[in-house]
Amino acid sequence: MADRRGPRIGVLALQGDFPEHRAAVDAAAGSGSARFVRSPKDLGAIDALLLPGGESTAIASLLSRSGLWDPLREHLSQGLPALGTCAGLILLAKEIEASEFGRDPPTLGALNVTVRRNDYGRQVESFEGPVEIEGLDDPPFHGVFIRAPRIVDIRTPADPIARRGEEIVGVRQGRVWGLTFHPELSGDPRLLRMFVSQVVQPSLRSQAERGSAEGSPPRRREGGRSAAEAPGRNRTRSARAR
């Protein structure tokens, strides 16, 4: 029997706009759904994780200092649903293309994409505009881009999920999604609700069914390749929509 409790959605709370993410999660999934994640033990009490916007180098450093880096990589490899926004996307990416903005952080490698930090410009060049989200009806989603990274290359099994004009601004790979913009600042809960309904809730059902069939507590890995593992194929696509 599937687990009937609501999803427990973690928000990485080391640096950045994690309070706004918690408020957005509670608005989208129900009050009390969000839980701050600040230590390795917190990962065992969540069903999904949001990696917020902020400063990617600072977040990466704090992940290491808090002891979260290796456990988080392990949870992602076992299929933990995750959504990264802006800096969160940078940390989830497989590769970072060098930019003029100093030292690039290490990455978790859960999305088979290449990104370039702050590629739309500095803080004063931040902007807002309509974004088309696959699976969302009109009106277009209101995208908030703040020192946003650019997705410069996408490789299978990653796929586009969001576009601003011809440019891809959101990707997904199994249970891991990444966005260059900030849905938590849009005032629109539709995208986070879609993540919960399409990724988090099916993951919970799969865990419950697997645990019931095996007569043991469910595990995130469902057999075969996990969502965070990229296959050894080399087919690439431009980050421009075709």
Protein backbone atom coordinates (compact mmCIF):
# COMPACT_ATOMS: atom_id res chain seq x y z
CA MET A 1 0.00 0.00 0.00
CA ALA A 2 1.34 3.43 -0.92
CA ASP A 3 2.45 5.82 1.81
CA ARG A 4 -0.44 8.22 2.46
CA ARG A 5 1.50 10.90 4.31
CA GLY A 6 2.40 14.13 2.60
CA PRO A 7 5.85 14.60 1.08
CA ARG A 8 8.67 15.90 3.25
CA ILE A 9 10.55 18.34 1.04
CA GLY A 10 13.95 19.45 2.23
CA VAL A 11 15.36 22.89 1.50
CA LEU A 12 19.14 23.16 1.67
CA ALA A 13 19.55 25.94 4.25
CA LEU A 14 23.24 26.85 4.24
CA GLN A 15 23.27 30.07 2.20
CA GLY A 16 21.00 31.88 -0.26
CA ASP A 17 17.25 32.42 -0.40
CA PHE A 18 16.22 29.29 1.48
CA PRO A 19 13.48 31.10 3.51
CA GLU A 20 11.74 32.00 0.25
CA HIS A 21 12.04 28.39 -0.90
CA ARG A 22 10.44 27.10 2.30
CA ALA A 23 7.52 29.51 1.90
CA ALA A 24 7.09 28.48 -1.76
CA VAL A 25 7.16 24.77 -0.87
CA ASP A 26 4.54 25.22 1.86
CA ALA A 27 2.35 27.17 -0.59
CA ALA A 28 2.68 24.48 -3.27
CA ALA A 29 2.64 21.26 -1.21
CA GLY A 30 0.86 22.24 2.00
CA SER A 31 1.85 23.97 5.20
CA GLY A 32 4.59 22.10 7.05
CA SER A 33 5.84 20.24 3.98
CA ALA A 34 9.21 22.00 3.94
CA ARG A 35 12.13 21.07 6.19
CA PHE A 36 15.49 22.81 6.39
CA VAL A 37 18.52 20.63 5.65
CA ARG A 38 21.75 21.63 7.37
CA SER A 39 23.46 18.36 8.34
CA PRO A 40 23.85 14.81 6.98
CA LYS A 41 21.26 13.39 9.38
CA ASP A 42 18.65 15.73 7.90
CA LEU A 43 18.88 13.90 4.56
CA GLY A 44 17.34 10.79 6.11
CA ALA A 45 14.15 12.67 7.02
CA ILE A 46 13.22 14.02 3.57
CA ASP A 47 11.66 12.71 0.36
CA ALA A 48 13.09 15.38 -1.96
CA LEU A 49 15.55 18.27 -1.80
CA LEU A 50 15.51 21.81 -3.17
CA LEU A 51 18.89 23.47 -3.72
CA PRO A 52 18.23 27.23 -3.64
CA GLY A 53 19.68 30.21 -5.38
CA GLY A 54 22.55 32.03 -3.75
CA GLU A 55 26.32 31.99 -4.24
CA SER A 56 27.36 28.63 -5.69
CA THR A 57 30.96 28.77 -4.43
CA ALA A 58 29.80 29.60 -0.90
CA ILE A 59 27.17 26.84 -0.90
CA ALA A 60 29.71 24.29 -2.17
CA SER A 61 32.15 25.28 0.57
CA LEU A 62 29.47 25.02 3.25
CA LEU A 63 28.34 21.62 1.92
CA SER A 64 31.88 20.38 2.42
CA ARG A 65 32.38 21.98 5.85
CA SER A 66 29.03 20.66 7.12
CA GLY A 67 29.84 17.11 6.03
CA LEU A 68 26.93 17.12 3.58
CA TRP A 69 28.82 16.85 0.29
CA ASP A 70 29.47 13.10 0.13
CA PRO A 71 26.16 12.00 1.73
CA LEU A 72 24.25 14.26 -0.65
CA ARG A 73 26.04 12.78 -3.66
CA GLU A 74 25.17 9.31 -2.39
CA HIS A 75 21.51 10.17 -1.89
CA LEU A 76 21.33 11.65 -5.39
CA SER A 77 22.93 8.51 -6.86
CA GLN A 78 20.24 6.46 -5.09
CA GLY A 79 17.44 8.48 -6.69
CA LEU A 80 16.64 11.29 -4.24
CA PRO A 81 14.38 13.75 -6.13
CA ALA A 82 16.04 17.15 -6.35
CA LEU A 83 15.35 20.55 -7.87
CA GLY A 84 18.09 23.16 -8.17
CA THR A 85 17.43 26.81 -8.95
CA CYS A 86 20.14 29.17 -10.22
CA ALA A 87 23.09 28.33 -7.93
CA GLY A 88 21.41 25.01 -7.21
CA LEU A 89 21.47 24.18 -10.93
CA ILE A 90 25.18 25.04 -11.07
CA LEU A 91 25.91 22.61 -8.23
CA LEU A 92 23.83 19.82 -9.82
CA ALA A 93 25.47 20.20 -13.25
CA LYS A 94 28.00 17.75 -14.62
CA GLU A 95 30.32 20.48 -15.88
CA ILE A 96 30.90 24.23 -15.54
CA GLU A 97 32.35 26.20 -18.43
CA ALA A 98 34.89 28.73 -17.23
CA SER A 99 33.61 32.29 -16.87
CA GLU A 100 35.08 35.67 -15.94
CA PHE A 101 33.59 35.52 -12.45
CA GLY A 102 36.42 33.87 -10.59
CA ARG A 103 36.86 30.37 -9.24
CA ASP A 104 34.14 27.90 -10.17
CA PRO A 105 32.83 25.49 -7.51
CA PRO A 106 32.98 21.69 -7.65
CA THR A 107 29.73 20.09 -8.76
CA LEU A 108 27.60 17.11 -7.77
CA GLY A 109 27.28 15.89 -11.36
CA ALA A 110 23.60 14.86 -11.18
CA LEU A 111 22.53 16.61 -14.41
CA ASN A 112 24.35 15.84 -17.65
CA VAL A 113 24.63 19.48 -18.71
CA THR A 114 27.27 22.18 -18.96
CA VAL A 115 26.51 25.60 -17.47
CA ARG A 116 28.29 28.94 -17.35
CA ARG A 117 27.91 31.08 -14.23
CA ASN A 118 26.40 34.60 -14.27
CA ASP A 119 26.25 34.46 -18.04
CA TYR A 120 23.40 36.95 -18.40
CA GLY A 121 25.39 39.61 -16.58
CA ARG A 122 25.85 41.05 -13.12
CA GLN A 123 23.22 41.89 -10.49
CA VAL A 124 22.13 45.11 -12.21
CA GLU A 125 21.45 43.14 -15.40
CA SER A 126 18.98 40.76 -13.73
CA PHE A 127 15.60 40.61 -15.46
CA GLU A 128 12.15 39.04 -15.50
CA GLY A 129 10.14 37.57 -18.35
CA PRO A 130 7.76 34.84 -19.52
CA VAL A 131 8.96 31.23 -19.52
CA GLU A 132 7.27 28.33 -21.28
CA ILE A 133 7.22 25.24 -19.05
CA GLU A 134 6.55 21.84 -20.62
CA GLY A 135 3.37 20.48 -19.04
CA LEU A 136 2.04 23.83 -17.78
CA ASP A 137 -0.88 25.50 -19.53
CA ASP A 138 -1.20 29.24 -20.14
CA PRO A 139 -0.42 31.75 -18.88
CA PRO A 140 3.37 31.49 -19.26
CA PHE A 141 5.35 31.14 -16.05
CA HIS A 142 6.88 34.36 -14.72
CA GLY A 143 10.64 33.82 -14.75
CA VAL A 144 12.89 35.78 -12.38
CA PHE A 145 16.54 35.71 -13.52
CA ILE A 146 19.08 37.01 -10.99
CA ARG A 147 22.74 36.72 -12.00
CA ALA A 148 21.52 33.63 -13.78
CA PRO A 149 23.68 30.84 -15.17
CA ARG A 150 23.29 29.82 -18.80
CA ILE A 151 22.82 26.23 -19.93
CA VAL A 152 25.34 25.94 -22.76
CA ASP A 153 25.12 22.19 -23.50
CA ILE A 154 22.67 19.38 -22.81
CA ARG A 155 23.53 15.70 -23.15
CA THR A 156 21.29 12.66 -22.87
CA PRO A 157 19.58 11.62 -20.70
CA ALA A 158 18.93 15.27 -19.71
CA ASP A 159 16.01 16.93 -21.52
CA PRO A 160 14.68 20.49 -21.75
CA ILE A 161 11.71 21.37 -19.59
CA ALA A 162 11.65 25.19 -19.77
CA ARG A 163 12.36 27.74 -22.49
CA ARG A 164 12.61 31.49 -22.70
CA GLY A 165 12.11 32.16 -26.38
CA GLU A 166 14.53 29.83 -28.15
CA GLU A 167 16.81 29.40 -25.17
CA ILE A 168 16.57 26.47 -22.78
CA VAL A 169 16.36 27.67 -19.18
CA GLY A 170 15.31 24.44 -17.44
CA VAL A 171 16.25 20.76 -17.71
CA ARG A 172 15.31 17.45 -16.12
CA GLN A 173 17.03 14.10 -15.86
CA GLY A 174 14.89 11.50 -14.20
CA ARG A 175 14.16 12.72 -10.69
CA VAL A 176 16.54 15.69 -10.89
CA TRP A 177 15.45 19.08 -12.29
CA GLY A 178 17.49 22.26 -12.75
CA LEU A 179 16.34 25.82 -13.51
CA THR A 180 18.29 28.97 -14.33
CA PHE A 181 15.50 31.13 -12.86
CA HIS A 182 13.81 31.47 -9.44
CA PRO A 183 10.32 29.92 -9.20
CA GLU A 184 10.19 30.71 -5.50
CA LEU A 185 10.11 34.44 -6.31
CA SER A 186 7.37 34.23 -8.95
CA GLY A 187 4.35 34.00 -6.66
CA ASP A 188 3.18 31.11 -8.89
CA PRO A 189 3.07 27.65 -7.25
CA ARG A 190 2.41 25.70 -10.46
CA LEU A 191 5.97 24.63 -11.21
CA LEU A 192 6.69 23.36 -7.70
CA ARG A 193 3.33 21.57 -7.68
CA MET A 194 4.28 19.91 -10.95
CA PHE A 195 7.61 18.79 -9.46
CA VAL A 196 5.79 17.30 -6.48
CA SER A 197 3.13 15.55 -8.58
CA GLN A 198 5.43 14.30 -11.36
CA VAL A 199 8.55 13.44 -9.36
CA VAL A 200 8.14 13.37 -5.58
CA GLN A 201 4.82 11.57 -5.25
CA PRO A 202 5.66 8.84 -7.82
CA SER A 203 8.98 8.33 -6.00
CA LEU A 204 7.12 7.85 -2.71
CA ARG A 205 4.73 5.36 -4.29
CA SER A 206 7.60 3.39 -5.82
CA GLN A 207 9.43 3.24 -2.50
CA ALA A 208 6.31 2.07 -0.66
CA GLU A 209 5.49 -0.59 -3.26
CA ARG A 210 9.04 -1.86 -3.34
CA GLY A 211 9.24 -2.00 0.44
CA SER A 212 5.93 -3.88 0.59
CA ALA A 213 7.04 -6.41 -2.04
CA GLU A 214 10.37 -7.06 -0.32
CA GLY A 215 8.99 -6.99 3.23
CA SER A 216 11.62 -4.43 4.21
CA PRO A 217 11.94 -0.64 4.41
CA PRO A 218 11.97 0.94 0.93
CA ARG A 219 15.16 2.09 -0.68
CA ARG A 220 15.49 4.92 -3.16
CA ARG A 221 17.34 2.93 -5.81
CA GLU A 222 14.86 1.05 -7.96
CA GLY A 223 17.31 -1.05 -9.92
CA GLY A 224 19.33 -0.13 -12.99
CA ARG A 225 20.79 3.32 -13.44
CA SER A 226 19.75 6.01 -10.99
CA ALA A 227 18.52 9.45 -12.01
CA ALA A 228 21.84 11.04 -11.10
CA GLU A 229 23.94 8.69 -13.20
CA ALA A 230 24.59 9.65 -16.80
CA PRO A 231 25.01 6.89 -19.38
CA GLY A 232 28.16 6.55 -21.40
CA ARG A 233 26.74 8.02 -24.58
CA ASN A 234 28.21 11.11 -26.18
CA ARG A 235 25.26 12.50 -28.13
CA THR A 236 25.00 16.20 -27.32
CA ARG A 237 22.54 18.94 -28.08
CA SER A 238 22.86 22.68 -28.19
CA ALA A 239 21.12 24.49 -25.37
CA ARG A 240 19.20 26.39 -28.02
CA ALA A 241 15.78 24.92 -28.72
CA ARG A 242 15.30 23.44 -32.17
